[in-house]
Protein backbone atom coordinates (compact mmCIF):
# COMPACT_ATOMS: atom_id res chain seq x y z
CA VAL A 1 -10.65 -14.03 -2.30
CA VAL A 2 -6.98 -14.45 -3.12
CA GLU A 3 -7.53 -16.75 -6.07
CA ARG A 4 -10.53 -14.88 -7.43
CA TYR A 5 -9.75 -11.19 -7.02
CA TYR A 6 -5.98 -10.79 -6.66
CA PRO A 7 -5.15 -11.66 -10.27
CA LYS A 8 -7.77 -9.28 -11.64
CA PHE A 9 -7.10 -6.24 -9.45
CA LEU A 10 -3.52 -6.62 -8.29
CA GLY A 11 -2.55 -7.95 -11.70
CA PHE A 12 -3.92 -4.73 -13.22
CA PHE A 13 -1.84 -2.55 -10.89
CA GLU A 14 1.22 -4.74 -11.39
CA LYS A 15 0.89 -4.16 -15.14
CA ILE A 16 0.50 -0.38 -14.72
CA LEU A 17 3.53 -0.20 -12.42
CA LYS A 18 5.55 -2.22 -14.95
CA GLU A 19 4.53 0.22 -17.70
CA ASN A 20 5.55 3.15 -15.47
CA GLU A 21 8.68 1.51 -14.12
CA ALA A 22 10.78 4.59 -14.87
CA SER A 23 8.84 6.70 -12.37
CA GLY A 24 7.60 3.95 -10.05
CA TRP A 25 4.23 5.69 -9.66
CA LEU A 26 0.85 4.77 -11.08
CA VAL A 27 0.36 8.03 -12.98
CA GLY A 28 3.07 10.41 -14.15
CA ASP A 29 6.36 11.20 -12.48
CA SER A 30 5.22 11.88 -8.94
CA VAL A 31 2.99 10.42 -6.26
CA THR A 32 -0.76 10.99 -6.74
CA ILE A 33 -3.94 10.08 -4.93
CA ALA A 34 -4.02 6.89 -7.03
CA ASP A 35 -0.79 5.77 -5.36
CA PHE A 36 -2.24 6.38 -1.91
CA VAL A 37 -5.38 4.43 -2.76
CA LEU A 38 -3.31 1.46 -3.89
CA TYR A 39 -1.18 1.79 -0.75
CA ALA A 40 -4.26 1.76 1.48
CA GLY A 41 -5.40 -1.58 0.10
CA SER A 42 -2.05 -3.26 -0.40
CA SER A 43 -0.74 -2.30 3.05
CA TRP A 44 -3.66 -4.19 4.61
CA LEU A 45 -2.93 -7.22 2.46
CA LEU A 46 0.74 -7.13 3.40
CA SER A 47 0.07 -6.62 7.11
CA GLU A 48 -1.35 -10.10 7.77
CA THR A 49 -4.07 -8.36 9.79
CA LEU A 50 -6.87 -9.82 7.69
CA ASP A 51 -7.88 -13.35 8.66
CA GLY A 52 -6.90 -15.94 6.10
CA ILE A 53 -4.80 -13.56 3.99
CA ALA A 54 -1.12 -14.45 4.21
CA LYS A 55 1.55 -11.89 3.37
CA SER A 56 2.95 -14.42 0.90
CA SER A 57 -0.23 -14.08 -1.18
CA MET A 58 1.31 -10.83 -2.46
CA ASP A 59 4.43 -12.64 -3.75
CA PRO A 60 3.15 -12.74 -7.37
CA TYR A 61 2.86 -8.92 -7.24
CA PRO A 62 6.38 -7.68 -6.43
CA LEU A 63 5.87 -4.25 -7.97
CA VAL A 64 2.74 -3.63 -5.91
CA SER A 65 4.61 -4.69 -2.76
CA ALA A 66 7.57 -2.45 -3.64
CA HIS A 67 5.16 0.41 -4.36
CA CYS A 68 3.66 -0.01 -0.87
CA ASN A 69 7.13 0.19 0.66
CA ARG A 70 7.96 3.25 -1.43
CA ILE A 71 4.86 5.06 -0.12
CA LYS A 72 5.94 4.23 3.45
CA GLU A 73 9.29 5.94 2.75
CA ILE A 74 7.69 9.30 1.94
CA PRO A 75 8.80 11.43 4.93
CA GLU A 76 5.30 12.57 5.88
CA VAL A 77 3.91 9.05 5.64
CA ALA A 78 6.85 7.65 7.61
CA ALA A 79 6.25 10.26 10.34
CA PHE A 80 2.56 9.37 10.50
CA LEU A 81 3.27 5.65 10.70
CA LYS A 82 5.80 6.25 13.45
CA LYS A 83 3.24 8.21 15.44
CA TYR A 84 0.41 5.74 14.69
CA PRO A 85 2.08 2.31 14.35
CA GLU A 86 0.48 -0.43 12.29
CA PRO A 87 -1.69 -2.29 12.78
CA PHE A 88 -4.06 0.22 14.22
CA GLU A 89 -5.09 -1.75 17.28
CA ASP A 90 -7.90 0.45 18.52
CA PHE A 91 -8.70 2.66 15.51
CA ASP A 92 -8.68 5.60 17.91
CA TYR A 93 -7.48 8.15 15.38
CA ASP A 94 -7.45 11.79 16.46
CA PRO A 95 -6.83 14.14 13.51
CA GLU A 96 -5.78 16.89 15.91
CA LYS A 97 -2.88 14.77 17.11
CA ALA A 98 -1.86 13.96 13.55
CA THR A 99 -1.14 17.60 12.78
CA ASN A 100 1.03 18.21 15.85
């Protein structure tokens, strides 16, 4: 997986983030749904939750890793992650609790 798909997909996002280095986002000057989609995938890869996928496999993609950390620093995301720590051990997500 790492050798076959990382260069194609993560390499693509690394290139886009390099092109948009001034803003740090995938599209435009502010966070968009595209940034959250990349975060969703890259946060799993960085979490070492997936069997056989080491965190170090993201080393060739420093901008993607930094982007993931930047998303985590958004106040609303940070609050969510504090309330529902990673990794999600039981996947018992209650949307009612998330809004309180």
